[in-house]
PDB file of N, CA and C in Angstrom:
ATOM      1  N   MET A   1       7.650  12.030   7.491  1.00  0.00           N
ATOM      2  CA  MET A   1       6.401  12.529   7.195  1.00  0.00           C
ATOM      3  C   MET A   1       5.442  11.101   7.444  1.00  0.00           C
ATOM      4  N   PRO A   2       4.108  11.561   7.640  1.00  0.00           N
ATOM      5  CA  PRO A   2       3.579  10.461   8.253  1.00  0.00           C
ATOM      6  C   PRO A   2       2.782   9.867   6.772  1.00  0.00           C
ATOM      7  N   LEU A   3       2.153   8.397   7.101  1.00  0.00           N
ATOM      8  CA  LEU A   3       1.615   7.617   5.882  1.00  0.00           C
ATOM      9  C   LEU A   3       0.179   8.521   5.705  1.00  0.00           C
ATOM     10  N   MET A   4       0.101   8.829   4.145  1.00  0.00           N
ATOM     11  CA  MET A   4      -0.903   9.604   3.545  1.00  0.00           C
ATOM     12  C   MET A   4      -1.535   8.893   2.477  1.00  0.00           C
ATOM     13  N   PRO A   5      -2.925   9.427   2.131  1.00  0.00           N
ATOM     14  CA  PRO A   5      -3.608   8.643   1.074  1.00  0.00           C
ATOM     15  C   PRO A   5      -2.821   9.429  -0.012  1.00  0.00           C
ATOM     16  N   MET A   6      -2.572   8.359  -1.314  1.00  0.00           N
ATOM     17  CA  MET A   6      -1.859   8.968  -2.459  1.00  0.00           C
ATOM     18  C   MET A   6      -2.636  10.256  -3.307  1.00  0.00           C
ATOM     19  N   SER A   7      -3.883  10.335  -2.950  1.00  0.00           N
ATOM     20  CA  SER A   7      -4.833  11.616  -3.596  1.00  0.00           C
ATOM     21  C   SER A   7      -4.274  12.578  -2.811  1.00  0.00           C
ATOM     22  N   GLN A   8      -3.952  12.574  -1.457  1.00  0.00           N
ATOM     23  CA  GLN A   8      -3.703  14.017  -0.766  1.00  0.00           C
ATOM     24  C   GLN A   8      -2.369  14.252  -1.237  1.00  0.00           C
ATOM     25  N   ILE A   9      -1.762  13.447  -1.398  1.00  0.00           N
ATOM     26  CA  ILE A   9       0.210  13.769  -1.524  1.00  0.00           C
ATOM     27  C   ILE A   9       0.071  14.417  -3.167  1.00  0.00           C
ATOM     28  N   LEU A  10      -0.792  13.525  -4.046  1.00  0.00           N
ATOM     29  CA  LEU A  10      -0.648  14.152  -5.136  1.00  0.00           C
ATOM     30  C   LEU A  10      -1.386  15.614  -5.229  1.00  0.00           C
ATOM     31  N   LYS A  11      -2.534  15.758  -4.616  1.00  0.00           N
ATOM     32  CA  LYS A  11      -3.251  16.959  -4.542  1.00  0.00           C
ATOM     33  C   LYS A  11      -2.350  18.111  -4.176  1.00  0.00           C
ATOM     34  N   GLU A  12      -1.404  17.809  -2.874  1.00  0.00           N
ATOM     35  CA  GLU A  12      -0.622  18.824  -2.320  1.00  0.00           C
ATOM     36  C   GLU A  12       0.665  19.188  -3.378  1.00  0.00           C
ATOM     37  N   ALA A  13       1.088  18.148  -4.303  1.00  0.00           N
ATOM     38  CA  ALA A  13       2.163  18.182  -5.116  1.00  0.00           C
ATOM     39  C   ALA A  13       1.787  19.159  -6.119  1.00  0.00           C
ATOM     40  N   GLU A  14       0.433  18.974  -6.722  1.00  0.00           N
ATOM     41  CA  GLU A  14       0.111  19.830  -7.738  1.00  0.00           C
ATOM     42  C   GLU A  14      -0.307  21.274  -7.372  1.00  0.00           C
ATOM     43  N   LYS A  15      -0.795  21.642  -6.060  1.00  0.00           N
ATOM     44  CA  LYS A  15      -1.063  22.782  -5.681  1.00  0.00           C
ATOM     45  C   LYS A  15       0.438  23.224  -5.598  1.00  0.00           C
ATOM     46  N   ARG A  16       1.559  22.768  -5.149  1.00  0.00           N
ATOM     47  CA  ARG A  16       2.630  23.652  -4.705  1.00  0.00           C
ATOM     48  C   ARG A  16       3.736  23.456  -5.784  1.00  0.00           C
ATOM     49  N   GLY A  17       3.392  22.731  -6.814  1.00  0.00           N
ATOM     50  CA  GLY A  17       4.157  22.382  -8.231  1.00  0.00           C
ATOM     51  C   GLY A  17       5.328  21.754  -8.079  1.00  0.00           C
ATOM     52  N   TYR A  18       5.265  20.557  -7.296  1.00  0.00           N
ATOM     53  CA  TYR A  18       6.477  19.600  -7.353  1.00  0.00           C
ATOM     54  C   TYR A  18       6.030  18.021  -7.532  1.00  0.00           C
ATOM     55  N   ALA A  19       6.941  17.288  -8.101  1.00  0.00           N
ATOM     56  CA  ALA A  19       6.652  16.012  -8.559  1.00  0.00           C
ATOM     57  C   ALA A  19       6.915  15.092  -7.287  1.00  0.00           C
ATOM     58  N   VAL A  20       6.279  13.847  -7.334  1.00  0.00           N
ATOM     59  CA  VAL A  20       6.584  12.889  -6.133  1.00  0.00           C
ATOM     60  C   VAL A  20       6.850  11.896  -6.835  1.00  0.00           C
ATOM     61  N   GLY A  21       8.175  11.327  -6.621  1.00  0.00           N
ATOM     62  CA  GLY A  21       9.044  10.133  -6.757  1.00  0.00           C
ATOM     63  C   GLY A  21       8.187   8.757  -6.575  1.00  0.00           C
ATOM     64  N   TYR A  22       8.212   7.812  -7.572  1.00  0.00           N
ATOM     65  CA  TYR A  22       7.779   6.366  -7.326  1.00  0.00           C
ATOM     66  C   TYR A  22       9.013   5.493  -7.610  1.00  0.00           C
ATOM     67  N   PHE A  23       9.045   4.526  -6.391  1.00  0.00           N
ATOM     68  CA  PHE A  23      10.115   3.702  -6.467  1.00  0.00           C
ATOM     69  C   PHE A  23       9.723   2.188  -6.142  1.00  0.00           C
ATOM     70  N   GLU A  24       9.918   1.366  -6.842  1.00  0.00           N
ATOM     71  CA  GLU A  24       9.575  -0.135  -6.622  1.00  0.00           C
ATOM     72  C   GLU A  24      10.678  -0.717  -5.781  1.00  0.00           C
ATOM     73  N   SER A  25       9.991  -1.270  -4.943  1.00  0.00           N
ATOM     74  CA  SER A  25      11.038  -2.111  -3.785  1.00  0.00           C
ATOM     75  C   SER A  25      11.026  -3.591  -4.138  1.00  0.00           C
ATOM     76  N   TRP A  26      12.038  -4.177  -4.054  1.00  0.00           N
ATOM     77  CA  TRP A  26      12.015  -5.851  -4.418  1.00  0.00           C
ATOM     78  C   TRP A  26      12.177  -6.500  -3.182  1.00  0.00           C
ATOM     79  N   ASP A  27      12.661  -5.843  -2.233  1.00  0.00           N
ATOM     80  CA  ASP A  27      13.102  -6.375  -0.909  1.00  0.00           C
ATOM     81  C   ASP A  27      13.043  -5.769   0.096  1.00  0.00           C
ATOM     82  N   TYR A  28      13.090  -5.974   1.582  1.00  0.00           N
ATOM     83  CA  TYR A  28      13.340  -4.939   2.499  1.00  0.00           C
ATOM     84  C   TYR A  28      14.131  -3.939   2.191  1.00  0.00           C
ATOM     85  N   GLY A  29      15.446  -4.339   2.071  1.00  0.00           N
ATOM     86  CA  GLY A  29      16.782  -3.394   1.900  1.00  0.00           C
ATOM     87  C   GLY A  29      16.322  -2.507   0.971  1.00  0.00           C
ATOM     88  N   SER A  30      15.866  -2.614  -0.575  1.00  0.00           N
ATOM     89  CA  SER A  30      15.304  -1.660  -1.056  1.00  0.00           C
ATOM     90  C   SER A  30      14.139  -0.527  -0.471  1.00  0.00           C
ATOM     91  N   LEU A  31      13.418  -1.244  -0.029  1.00  0.00           N
ATOM     92  CA  LEU A  31      12.199  -0.460   0.784  1.00  0.00           C
ATOM     93  C   LEU A  31      12.480   0.490   1.763  1.00  0.00           C
ATOM     94  N   GLU A  32      13.722   0.161   2.936  1.00  0.00           N
ATOM     95  CA  GLU A  32      14.189   0.760   3.732  1.00  0.00           C
ATOM     96  C   GLU A  32      15.043   1.810   2.907  1.00  0.00           C
ATOM     97  N   ALA A  33      16.032   1.549   2.019  1.00  0.00           N
ATOM     98  CA  ALA A  33      16.383   2.645   1.448  1.00  0.00           C
ATOM     99  C   ALA A  33      15.790   3.831   0.742  1.00  0.00           C
ATOM    100  N   SER A  34      14.807   3.295   0.323  1.00  0.00           N
ATOM    101  CA  SER A  34      13.819   4.451  -0.418  1.00  0.00           C
ATOM    102  C   SER A  34      13.012   5.130   0.778  1.00  0.00           C
ATOM    103  N   LEU A  35      12.487   4.414   1.901  1.00  0.00           N
ATOM    104  CA  LEU A  35      12.124   5.341   2.950  1.00  0.00           C
ATOM    105  C   LEU A  35      12.960   6.194   3.519  1.00  0.00           C
ATOM    106  N   ARG A  36      14.306   5.896   3.850  1.00  0.00           N
ATOM    107  CA  ARG A  36      15.242   6.577   4.417  1.00  0.00           C
ATOM    108  C   ARG A  36      15.669   7.704   3.612  1.00  0.00           C
ATOM    109  N   ALA A  37      15.681   7.707   2.318  1.00  0.00           N
ATOM    110  CA  ALA A  37      15.932   8.863   1.550  1.00  0.00           C
ATOM    111  C   ALA A  37      14.935   9.786   1.523  1.00  0.00           C
ATOM    112  N   ALA A  38      13.652   9.313   1.270  1.00  0.00           N
ATOM    113  CA  ALA A  38      12.625  10.157   1.538  1.00  0.00           C
ATOM    114  C   ALA A  38      12.337  11.064   2.940  1.00  0.00           C
ATOM    115  N   GLU A  39      12.772  10.326   4.004  1.00  0.00           N
ATOM    116  CA  GLU A  39      12.792  10.945   5.188  1.00  0.00           C
ATOM    117  C   GLU A  39      13.874  12.134   5.308  1.00  0.00           C
ATOM    118  N   GLU A  40      15.253  11.804   4.776  1.00  0.00           N
ATOM    119  CA  GLU A  40      16.370  12.548   4.603  1.00  0.00           C
ATOM    120  C   GLU A  40      15.887  13.661   4.110  1.00  0.00           C
ATOM    121  N   ALA A  41      15.266  13.694   2.592  1.00  0.00           N
ATOM    122  CA  ALA A  41      15.045  15.016   2.066  1.00  0.00           C
ATOM    123  C   ALA A  41      13.540  15.320   2.567  1.00  0.00           C
ATOM    124  N   TRP A  42      12.889  14.990   3.441  1.00  0.00           N
ATOM    125  CA  TRP A  42      11.870  15.549   3.587  1.00  0.00           C
ATOM    126  C   TRP A  42      10.963  15.706   2.349  1.00  0.00           C
ATOM    127  N   SER A  43      10.763  14.715   1.758  1.00  0.00           N
ATOM    128  CA  SER A  43      10.164  14.683   0.568  1.00  0.00           C
ATOM    129  C   SER A  43       9.081  13.454   0.660  1.00  0.00           C
ATOM    130  N   PRO A  44       8.031  13.697   0.115  1.00  0.00           N
ATOM    131  CA  PRO A  44       6.943  12.447   0.046  1.00  0.00           C
ATOM    132  C   PRO A  44       7.283  11.626  -1.102  1.00  0.00           C
ATOM    133  N   VAL A  45       7.282  10.541  -1.169  1.00  0.00           N
ATOM    134  CA  VAL A  45       7.718   9.561  -1.769  1.00  0.00           C
ATOM    135  C   VAL A  45       6.275   8.402  -1.934  1.00  0.00           C
ATOM    136  N   ILE A  46       6.428   7.705  -3.289  1.00  0.00           N
ATOM    137  CA  ILE A  46       5.228   6.510  -3.568  1.00  0.00           C
ATOM    138  C   ILE A  46       6.165   5.306  -3.784  1.00  0.00           C
ATOM    139  N   ILE A  47       5.693   4.442  -2.971  1.00  0.00           N
ATOM    140  CA  ILE A  47       6.367   2.784  -2.775  1.00  0.00           C
ATOM    141  C   ILE A  47       5.816   1.966  -3.556  1.00  0.00           C
ATOM    142  N   GLY A  48       6.119   1.181  -4.457  1.00  0.00           N
ATOM    143  CA  GLY A  48       5.562   0.110  -4.986  1.00  0.00           C
ATOM    144  C   GLY A  48       6.067  -0.931  -4.536  1.00  0.00           C
ATOM    145  N   PHE A  49       5.472  -2.328  -4.372  1.00  0.00           N
ATOM    146  CA  PHE A  49       6.117  -3.490  -4.057  1.00  0.00           C
ATOM    147  C   PHE A  49       5.192  -4.671  -4.388  1.00  0.00           C
ATOM    148  N   GLY A  50       5.768  -5.629  -4.740  1.00  0.00           N
ATOM    149  CA  GLY A  50       4.895  -7.054  -4.813  1.00  0.00           C
ATOM    150  C   GLY A  50       4.552  -7.710  -3.636  1.00  0.00           C
ATOM    151  N   GLY A  51       3.394  -7.945  -3.108  1.00  0.00           N
ATOM    152  CA  GLY A  51       3.075  -8.507  -1.875  1.00  0.00           C
ATOM    153  C   GLY A  51       3.910 -10.019  -1.833  1.00  0.00           C
ATOM    154  N   ARG A  52       4.190 -10.702  -2.903  1.00  0.00           N
ATOM    155  CA  ARG A  52       4.670 -12.178  -2.803  1.00  0.00           C
ATOM    156  C   ARG A  52       6.064 -11.886  -2.700  1.00  0.00           C
ATOM    157  N   THR A  53       6.923 -10.998  -2.993  1.00  0.00           N
ATOM    158  CA  THR A  53       8.120 -10.944  -2.727  1.00  0.00           C
ATOM    159  C   THR A  53       8.304 -10.848  -1.060  1.00  0.00           C
ATOM    160  N   PHE A  54       7.613  -9.978  -0.409  1.00  0.00           N
ATOM    161  CA  PHE A  54       7.809  -9.872   0.945  1.00  0.00           C
ATOM    162  C   PHE A  54       7.248 -11.087   1.735  1.00  0.00           C
ATOM    163  N   ILE A  55       6.308 -11.831   1.218  1.00  0.00           N
ATOM    164  CA  ILE A  55       5.919 -13.378   1.946  1.00  0.00           C
ATOM    165  C   ILE A  55       7.156 -14.309   1.833  1.00  0.00           C
ATOM    166  N   GLN A  56       7.707 -14.162   0.354  1.00  0.00           N
ATOM    167  CA  GLN A  56       8.835 -15.167   0.242  1.00  0.00           C
ATOM    168  C   GLN A  56      10.061 -15.089   1.066  1.00  0.00           C
ATOM    169  N   ASP A  57      10.449 -13.531   1.317  1.00  0.00           N
ATOM    170  CA  ASP A  57      11.698 -12.931   2.341  1.00  0.00           C
ATOM    171  C   ASP A  57      11.180 -13.271   3.650  1.00  0.00           C
ATOM    172  N   SER A  58       9.930 -13.354   4.356  1.00  0.00           N
ATOM    173  CA  SER A  58       9.616 -13.502   5.311  1.00  0.00           C
ATOM    174  C   SER A  58       9.789 -14.977   6.131  1.00  0.00           C
ATOM    175  N   GLY A  59       9.717 -15.761   5.062  1.00  0.00           N
ATOM    176  CA  GLY A  59       9.406 -17.322   5.496  1.00  0.00           C
ATOM    177  C   GLY A  59       7.941 -17.596   5.854  1.00  0.00           C
ATOM    178  N   TRP A  60       6.822 -16.985   5.415  1.00  0.00           N
ATOM    179  CA  TRP A  60       5.439 -16.878   5.977  1.00  0.00           C
ATOM    180  C   TRP A  60       4.978 -18.026   5.066  1.00  0.00           C
ATOM    181  N   ASP A  61       5.598 -18.446   3.657  1.00  0.00           N
ATOM    182  CA  ASP A  61       4.926 -19.201   2.663  1.00  0.00           C
ATOM    183  C   ASP A  61       5.689 -20.610   3.366  1.00  0.00           C
ATOM    184  N   GLU A  62       6.096 -20.987   4.158  1.00  0.00           N
ATOM    185  CA  GLU A  62       6.681 -22.360   4.358  1.00  0.00           C
ATOM    186  C   GLU A  62       5.677 -23.057   5.233  1.00  0.00           C
TER     187      GLU A  62
END
């Protein structure tokens, strides 16, 4: 599925009568796992993450 505005995802879900899962990612591994699972299920997903976590993991803050 392509990236879409959350308003569009939720509007479509309400129209068709399904829920959209929200998953919090703490690192690249959990982000990748959530996205892969959504892709395999052909299901929209909302991913949350704290930008600071990704900056720390990337080495950009050094």
